[in-house]
Amino acid sequence: MKRLVTLLWIGAAMGLAQAPSPEALKGLDPEGALALAKRWREEGQRVVSYVTPEAFFFEFADGRKARVELSANA
């Protein structure tokens, strides 16, 4: 039982660490940002994302915004 509780706690902590936030996008390339946007959408997270020729844009439920620049060589 103790092991089950520990595993559940670790799983919950990992889920909290992956909550949508601008910090989760830091260091990602455009492909990584797209994959994360897709995952958040599949999970039903409240994140608006869109792309322009310059960057991926993200708007979070708490009002924060972030962007991931597209490569100039794309």
PDB file of N, CA and C in Angstrom:
ATOM      1  N   MET A   1       0.825  -1.202   0.000  1.00  0.00           N
ATOM      2  CA  MET A   1       0.000   0.000   0.000  1.00  0.00           C
ATOM      3  C   MET A   1       0.866   1.261   0.000  1.00  0.00           C
ATOM      4  N   LYS A   2       1.920   1.235   0.818  1.00  0.00           N
ATOM      5  CA  LYS A   2       2.800   2.401   0.897  1.00  0.00           C
ATOM      6  C   LYS A   2       3.445   2.671  -0.464  1.00  0.00           C
ATOM      7  N   ARG A   3       3.817   1.610  -1.164  1.00  0.00           N
ATOM      8  CA  ARG A   3       4.436   1.774  -2.487  1.00  0.00           C
ATOM      9  C   ARG A   3       3.437   2.383  -3.479  1.00  0.00           C
ATOM     10  N   LEU A   4       2.178   1.949  -3.413  1.00  0.00           N
ATOM     11  CA  LEU A   4       1.142   2.479  -4.296  1.00  0.00           C
ATOM     12  C   LEU A   4       0.940   3.969  -4.055  1.00  0.00           C
ATOM     13  N   VAL A   5       0.896   4.373  -2.798  1.00  0.00           N
ATOM     14  CA  VAL A   5       0.724   5.787  -2.458  1.00  0.00           C
ATOM     15  C   VAL A   5       1.922   6.589  -2.983  1.00  0.00           C
ATOM     16  N   THR A   6       3.119   6.032  -2.831  1.00  0.00           N
ATOM     17  CA  THR A   6       4.319   6.711  -3.323  1.00  0.00           C
ATOM     18  C   THR A   6       4.258   6.883  -4.828  1.00  0.00           C
ATOM     19  N   LEU A   7       3.865   5.832  -5.548  1.00  0.00           N
ATOM     20  CA  LEU A   7       3.757   5.908  -7.004  1.00  0.00           C
ATOM     21  C   LEU A   7       2.702   6.916  -7.433  1.00  0.00           C
ATOM     22  N   LEU A   8       1.583   6.956  -6.740  1.00  0.00           N
ATOM     23  CA  LEU A   8       0.537   7.927  -7.064  1.00  0.00           C
ATOM     24  C   LEU A   8       1.031   9.352  -6.823  1.00  0.00           C
ATOM     25  N   TRP A   9       1.761   9.563  -5.731  1.00  0.00           N
ATOM     26  CA  TRP A   9       2.294  10.888  -5.428  1.00  0.00           C
ATOM     27  C   TRP A   9       3.282  11.328  -6.501  1.00  0.00           C
ATOM     28  N   ILE A  10       4.170  10.424  -6.925  1.00  0.00           N
ATOM     29  CA  ILE A  10       5.147  10.754  -7.970  1.00  0.00           C
ATOM     30  C   ILE A  10       4.426  11.085  -9.274  1.00  0.00           C
ATOM     31  N   GLY A  11       3.421  10.296  -9.618  1.00  0.00           N
ATOM     32  CA  GLY A  11       2.652  10.565 -10.834  1.00  0.00           C
ATOM     33  C   GLY A  11       1.964  11.920 -10.784  1.00  0.00           C
ATOM     34  N   ALA A  12       1.405  12.261  -9.647  1.00  0.00           N
ATOM     35  CA  ALA A  12       0.745  13.566  -9.505  1.00  0.00           C
ATOM     36  C   ALA A  12       1.759  14.687  -9.605  1.00  0.00           C
ATOM     37  N   ALA A  13       2.918  14.513  -8.988  1.00  0.00           N
ATOM     38  CA  ALA A  13       3.947  15.543  -9.056  1.00  0.00           C
ATOM     39  C   ALA A  13       4.430  15.737 -10.485  1.00  0.00           C
ATOM     40  N   MET A  14       4.568  14.667 -11.213  1.00  0.00           N
ATOM     41  CA  MET A  14       4.990  14.785 -12.609  1.00  0.00           C
ATOM     42  C   MET A  14       3.923  15.489 -13.430  1.00  0.00           C
ATOM     43  N   GLY A  15       2.665  15.225 -13.147  1.00  0.00           N
ATOM     44  CA  GLY A  15       1.581  15.901 -13.850  1.00  0.00           C
ATOM     45  C   GLY A  15       1.575  17.384 -13.582  1.00  0.00           C
ATOM     46  N   LEU A  16       1.832  17.776 -12.337  1.00  0.00           N
ATOM     47  CA  LEU A  16       1.889  19.195 -12.000  1.00  0.00           C
ATOM     48  C   LEU A  16       3.068  19.871 -12.675  1.00  0.00           C
ATOM     49  N   ALA A  17       4.158  19.154 -12.813  1.00  0.00           N
ATOM     50  CA  ALA A  17       5.337  19.728 -13.452  1.00  0.00           C
ATOM     51  C   ALA A  17       5.097  19.994 -14.932  1.00  0.00           C
ATOM     52  N   GLN A  18       4.135  19.307 -15.518  1.00  0.00           N
ATOM     53  CA  GLN A  18       3.864  19.454 -16.937  1.00  0.00           C
ATOM     54  C   GLN A  18       2.664  20.365 -17.202  1.00  0.00           C
ATOM     55  N   ALA A  19       2.190  21.058 -16.195  1.00  0.00           N
ATOM     56  CA  ALA A  19       1.063  21.965 -16.391  1.00  0.00           C
ATOM     57  C   ALA A  19       1.452  23.040 -17.406  1.00  0.00           C
ATOM     58  N   PRO A  20       0.515  23.460 -18.236  1.00  0.00           N
ATOM     59  CA  PRO A  20       0.825  24.471 -19.239  1.00  0.00           C
ATOM     60  C   PRO A  20       1.346  25.761 -18.623  1.00  0.00           C
ATOM     61  N   SER A  21       2.484  26.198 -19.106  1.00  0.00           N
ATOM     62  CA  SER A  21       3.058  27.462 -18.662  1.00  0.00           C
ATOM     63  C   SER A  21       4.089  27.904 -19.689  1.00  0.00           C
ATOM     64  N   PRO A  22       4.381  29.199 -19.737  1.00  0.00           N
ATOM     65  CA  PRO A  22       5.423  29.670 -20.647  1.00  0.00           C
ATOM     66  C   PRO A  22       6.777  29.019 -20.366  1.00  0.00           C
ATOM     67  N   GLU A  23       7.029  28.687 -19.111  1.00  0.00           N
ATOM     68  CA  GLU A  23       8.298  28.070 -18.748  1.00  0.00           C
ATOM     69  C   GLU A  23       8.489  26.721 -19.441  1.00  0.00           C
ATOM     70  N   ALA A  24       7.405  26.001 -19.702  1.00  0.00           N
ATOM     71  CA  ALA A  24       7.490  24.700 -20.365  1.00  0.00           C
ATOM     72  C   ALA A  24       7.988  24.824 -21.804  1.00  0.00           C
ATOM     73  N   LEU A  25       7.890  26.016 -22.374  1.00  0.00           N
ATOM     74  CA  LEU A  25       8.299  26.238 -23.763  1.00  0.00           C
ATOM     75  C   LEU A  25       9.754  26.659 -23.896  1.00  0.00           C
ATOM     76  N   LYS A  26      10.381  27.039 -22.799  1.00  0.00           N
ATOM     77  CA  LYS A  26      11.756  27.545 -22.869  1.00  0.00           C
ATOM     78  C   LYS A  26      12.689  26.470 -23.405  1.00  0.00           C
ATOM     79  N   GLY A  27      13.482  26.860 -24.386  1.00  0.00           N
ATOM     80  CA  GLY A  27      14.464  25.951 -24.965  1.00  0.00           C
ATOM     81  C   GLY A  27      13.931  25.023 -26.037  1.00  0.00           C
ATOM     82  N   LEU A  28      12.625  25.076 -26.308  1.00  0.00           N
ATOM     83  CA  LEU A  28      12.062  24.202 -27.332  1.00  0.00           C
ATOM     84  C   LEU A  28      12.280  24.778 -28.724  1.00  0.00           C
ATOM     85  N   ASP A  29      12.497  23.891 -29.671  1.00  0.00           N
ATOM     86  CA  ASP A  29      12.532  24.301 -31.069  1.00  0.00           C
ATOM     87  C   ASP A  29      11.091  24.311 -31.578  1.00  0.00           C
ATOM     88  N   PRO A  30      10.842  24.782 -32.799  1.00  0.00           N
ATOM     89  CA  PRO A  30       9.459  24.846 -33.300  1.00  0.00           C
ATOM     90  C   PRO A  30       8.744  23.494 -33.302  1.00  0.00           C
ATOM     91  N   GLU A  31       9.463  22.428 -33.628  1.00  0.00           N
ATOM     92  CA  GLU A  31       8.841  21.103 -33.637  1.00  0.00           C
ATOM     93  C   GLU A  31       8.424  20.683 -32.230  1.00  0.00           C
ATOM     94  N   GLY A  32       9.264  20.980 -31.252  1.00  0.00           N
ATOM     95  CA  GLY A  32       8.930  20.671 -29.863  1.00  0.00           C
ATOM     96  C   GLY A  32       7.738  21.472 -29.371  1.00  0.00           C
ATOM     97  N   ALA A  33       7.676  22.742 -29.774  1.00  0.00           N
ATOM     98  CA  ALA A  33       6.544  23.591 -29.387  1.00  0.00           C
ATOM     99  C   ALA A  33       5.242  23.070 -29.993  1.00  0.00           C
ATOM    100  N   LEU A  34       5.314  22.632 -31.238  1.00  0.00           N
ATOM    101  CA  LEU A  34       4.131  22.066 -31.893  1.00  0.00           C
ATOM    102  C   LEU A  34       3.675  20.794 -31.187  1.00  0.00           C
ATOM    103  N   ALA A  35       4.610  19.929 -30.829  1.00  0.00           N
ATOM    104  CA  ALA A  35       4.267  18.691 -30.126  1.00  0.00           C
ATOM    105  C   ALA A  35       3.634  18.986 -28.770  1.00  0.00           C
ATOM    106  N   LEU A  36       4.177  19.969 -28.058  1.00  0.00           N
ATOM    107  CA  LEU A  36       3.619  20.324 -26.758  1.00  0.00           C
ATOM    108  C   LEU A  36       2.227  20.937 -26.907  1.00  0.00           C
ATOM    109  N   ALA A  37       2.037  21.787 -27.899  1.00  0.00           N
ATOM    110  CA  ALA A  37       0.707  22.369 -28.149  1.00  0.00           C
ATOM    111  C   ALA A  37      -0.305  21.265 -28.444  1.00  0.00           C
ATOM    112  N   LYS A  38       0.108  20.283 -29.222  1.00  0.00           N
ATOM    113  CA  LYS A  38      -0.789  19.162 -29.548  1.00  0.00           C
ATOM    114  C   LYS A  38      -1.135  18.374 -28.290  1.00  0.00           C
ATOM    115  N   ARG A  39      -0.139  18.114 -27.449  1.00  0.00           N
ATOM    116  CA  ARG A  39      -0.410  17.366 -26.219  1.00  0.00           C
ATOM    117  C   ARG A  39      -1.360  18.126 -25.306  1.00  0.00           C
ATOM    118  N   TRP A  40      -1.123  19.437 -25.136  1.00  0.00           N
ATOM    119  CA  TRP A  40      -2.019  20.225 -24.302  1.00  0.00           C
ATOM    120  C   TRP A  40      -3.433  20.203 -24.850  1.00  0.00           C
ATOM    121  N   ARG A  41      -3.575  20.267 -26.162  1.00  0.00           N
ATOM    122  CA  ARG A  41      -4.903  20.238 -26.775  1.00  0.00           C
ATOM    123  C   ARG A  41      -5.591  18.893 -26.508  1.00  0.00           C
ATOM    124  N   GLU A  42      -4.848  17.799 -26.675  1.00  0.00           N
ATOM    125  CA  GLU A  42      -5.408  16.462 -26.433  1.00  0.00           C
ATOM    126  C   GLU A  42      -5.809  16.273 -24.984  1.00  0.00           C
ATOM    127  N   GLU A  43      -5.083  16.925 -24.060  1.00  0.00           N
ATOM    128  CA  GLU A  43      -5.399  16.842 -22.635  1.00  0.00           C
ATOM    129  C   GLU A  43      -6.540  17.773 -22.237  1.00  0.00           C
ATOM    130  N   GLY A  44      -6.977  18.621 -23.160  1.00  0.00           N
ATOM    131  CA  GLY A  44      -8.055  19.554 -22.859  1.00  0.00           C
ATOM    132  C   GLY A  44      -7.601  20.770 -22.070  1.00  0.00           C
ATOM    133  N   GLN A  45      -6.308  21.069 -22.106  1.00  0.00           N
ATOM    134  CA  GLN A  45      -5.788  22.226 -21.388  1.00  0.00           C
ATOM    135  C   GLN A  45      -6.268  23.516 -22.056  1.00  0.00           C
ATOM    136  N   ARG A  46      -6.384  24.561 -21.258  1.00  0.00           N
ATOM    137  CA  ARG A  46      -6.867  25.849 -21.763  1.00  0.00           C
ATOM    138  C   ARG A  46      -5.698  26.711 -22.233  1.00  0.00           C
ATOM    139  N   VAL A  47      -5.170  26.365 -23.381  1.00  0.00           N
ATOM    140  CA  VAL A  47      -4.077  27.113 -23.991  1.00  0.00           C
ATOM    141  C   VAL A  47      -4.454  27.372 -25.445  1.00  0.00           C
ATOM    142  N   VAL A  48      -4.399  28.627 -25.848  1.00  0.00           N
ATOM    143  CA  VAL A  48      -4.640  28.988 -27.245  1.00  0.00           C
ATOM    144  C   VAL A  48      -3.282  29.048 -27.921  1.00  0.00           C
ATOM    145  N   SER A  49      -3.153  28.362 -29.043  1.00  0.00           N
ATOM    146  CA  SER A  49      -1.891  28.422 -29.779  1.00  0.00           C
ATOM    147  C   SER A  49      -2.182  28.648 -31.254  1.00  0.00           C
ATOM    148  N   TYR A  50      -1.286  29.393 -31.883  1.00  0.00           N
ATOM    149  CA  TYR A  50      -1.413  29.648 -33.313  1.00  0.00           C
ATOM    150  C   TYR A  50      -0.036  29.949 -33.871  1.00  0.00           C
ATOM    151  N   VAL A  51       0.073  29.882 -35.184  1.00  0.00           N
ATOM    152  CA  VAL A  51       1.370  30.081 -35.821  1.00  0.00           C
ATOM    153  C   VAL A  51       1.260  31.152 -36.894  1.00  0.00           C
ATOM    154  N   THR A  52       2.317  31.923 -37.030  1.00  0.00           N
ATOM    155  CA  THR A  52       2.464  32.904 -38.106  1.00  0.00           C
ATOM    156  C   THR A  52       3.763  32.551 -38.826  1.00  0.00           C
ATOM    157  N   PRO A  53       4.099  33.233 -39.895  1.00  0.00           N
ATOM    158  CA  PRO A  53       5.378  32.948 -40.555  1.00  0.00           C
ATOM    159  C   PRO A  53       6.605  33.220 -39.665  1.00  0.00           C
ATOM    160  N   GLU A  54       6.425  33.964 -38.585  1.00  0.00           N
ATOM    161  CA  GLU A  54       7.552  34.301 -37.716  1.00  0.00           C
ATOM    162  C   GLU A  54       7.690  33.401 -36.495  1.00  0.00           C
ATOM    163  N   ALA A  55       6.557  32.957 -35.896  1.00  0.00           N
ATOM    164  CA  ALA A  55       6.639  32.251 -34.616  1.00  0.00           C
ATOM    165  C   ALA A  55       5.362  31.483 -34.291  1.00  0.00           C
ATOM    166  N   PHE A  56       5.494  30.543 -33.323  1.00  0.00           N
ATOM    167  CA  PHE A  56       4.339  29.939 -32.666  1.00  0.00           C
ATOM    168  C   PHE A  56       4.000  30.843 -31.495  1.00  0.00           C
ATOM    169  N   PHE A  57       2.730  31.135 -31.303  1.00  0.00           N
ATOM    170  CA  PHE A  57       2.274  31.968 -30.197  1.00  0.00           C
ATOM    171  C   PHE A  57       1.395  31.145 -29.276  1.00  0.00           C
ATOM    172  N   PHE A  58       1.511  31.387 -27.978  1.00  0.00           N
ATOM    173  CA  PHE A  58       0.738  30.684 -26.975  1.00  0.00           C
ATOM    174  C   PHE A  58       0.126  31.700 -26.024  1.00  0.00           C
ATOM    175  N   GLU A  59      -1.146  31.513 -25.699  1.00  0.00           N
ATOM    176  CA  GLU A  59      -1.844  32.343 -24.716  1.00  0.00           C
ATOM    177  C   GLU A  59      -2.431  31.411 -23.662  1.00  0.00           C
ATOM    178  N   PHE A  60      -2.050  31.620 -22.417  1.00  0.00           N
ATOM    179  CA  PHE A  60      -2.439  30.745 -21.325  1.00  0.00           C
ATOM    180  C   PHE A  60      -3.659  31.276 -20.587  1.00  0.00           C
ATOM    181  N   ALA A  61      -4.353  30.388 -19.892  1.00  0.00           N
ATOM    182  CA  ALA A  61      -5.597  30.740 -19.208  1.00  0.00           C
ATOM    183  C   ALA A  61      -5.405  31.867 -18.192  1.00  0.00           C
ATOM    184  N   ASP A  62      -4.205  31.967 -17.622  1.00  0.00           N
ATOM    185  CA  ASP A  62      -3.956  33.008 -16.620  1.00  0.00           C
ATOM    186  C   ASP A  62      -3.539  34.341 -17.245  1.00  0.00           C
ATOM    187  N   GLY A  63      -3.573  34.426 -18.590  1.00  0.00           N
ATOM    188  CA  GLY A  63      -3.264  35.679 -19.278  1.00  0.00           C
ATOM    189  C   GLY A  63      -1.824  35.803 -19.763  1.00  0.00           C
ATOM    190  N   ARG A  64      -0.966  34.910 -19.329  1.00  0.00           N
ATOM    191  CA  ARG A  64       0.426  34.983 -19.783  1.00  0.00           C
ATOM    192  C   ARG A  64       0.518  34.565 -21.249  1.00  0.00           C
ATOM    193  N   LYS A  65       1.540  35.075 -21.916  1.00  0.00           N
ATOM    194  CA  LYS A  65       1.753  34.776 -23.326  1.00  0.00           C
ATOM    195  C   LYS A  65       3.205  34.362 -23.537  1.00  0.00           C
ATOM    196  N   ALA A  66       3.421  33.577 -24.582  1.00  0.00           N
ATOM    197  CA  ALA A  66       4.782  33.159 -24.934  1.00  0.00           C
ATOM    198  C   ALA A  66       4.837  32.947 -26.435  1.00  0.00           C
ATOM    199  N   ARG A  67       6.077  32.896 -26.951  1.00  0.00           N
ATOM    200  CA  ARG A  67       6.263  32.628 -28.357  1.00  0.00           C
ATOM    201  C   ARG A  67       7.526  31.818 -28.547  1.00  0.00           C
ATOM    202  N   VAL A  68       7.523  31.008 -29.597  1.00  0.00           N
ATOM    203  CA  VAL A  68       8.694  30.243 -29.994  1.00  0.00           C
ATOM    204  C   VAL A  68       8.976  30.629 -31.421  1.00  0.00           C
ATOM    205  N   GLU A  69      10.127  31.249 -31.630  1.00  0.00           N
ATOM    206  CA  GLU A  69      10.488  31.728 -32.959  1.00  0.00           C
ATOM    207  C   GLU A  69      10.691  30.570 -33.925  1.00  0.00           C
ATOM    208  N   LEU A  70      10.248  30.770 -35.165  1.00  0.00           N
ATOM    209  CA  LEU A  70      10.503  29.800 -36.213  1.00  0.00           C
ATOM    210  C   LEU A  70      11.897  30.032 -36.764  1.00  0.00           C
ATOM    211  N   SER A  71      12.498  29.000 -37.242  1.00  0.00           N
ATOM    212  CA  SER A  71      13.840  29.100 -37.789  1.00  0.00           C
ATOM    213  C   SER A  71      13.824  29.950 -39.059  1.00  0.00           C
ATOM    214  N   ALA A  72      14.839  30.763 -39.221  1.00  0.00           N
ATOM    215  CA  ALA A  72      14.958  31.588 -40.423  1.00  0.00           C
ATOM    216  C   ALA A  72      15.252  30.726 -41.653  1.00  0.00           C
ATOM    217  N   ASN A  73      15.720  29.500 -41.439  1.00  0.00           N
ATOM    218  CA  ASN A  73      16.079  28.599 -42.535  1.00  0.00           C
ATOM    219  C   ASN A  73      14.949  27.643 -42.896  1.00  0.00           C
ATOM    220  N   ALA A  74      13.798  27.781 -42.277  1.00  0.00           N
ATOM    221  CA  ALA A  74      12.697  26.840 -42.524  1.00  0.00           C
ATOM    222  C   ALA A  74      12.091  27.036 -43.903  1.00  0.00           C
TER     223      ALA A  74
END
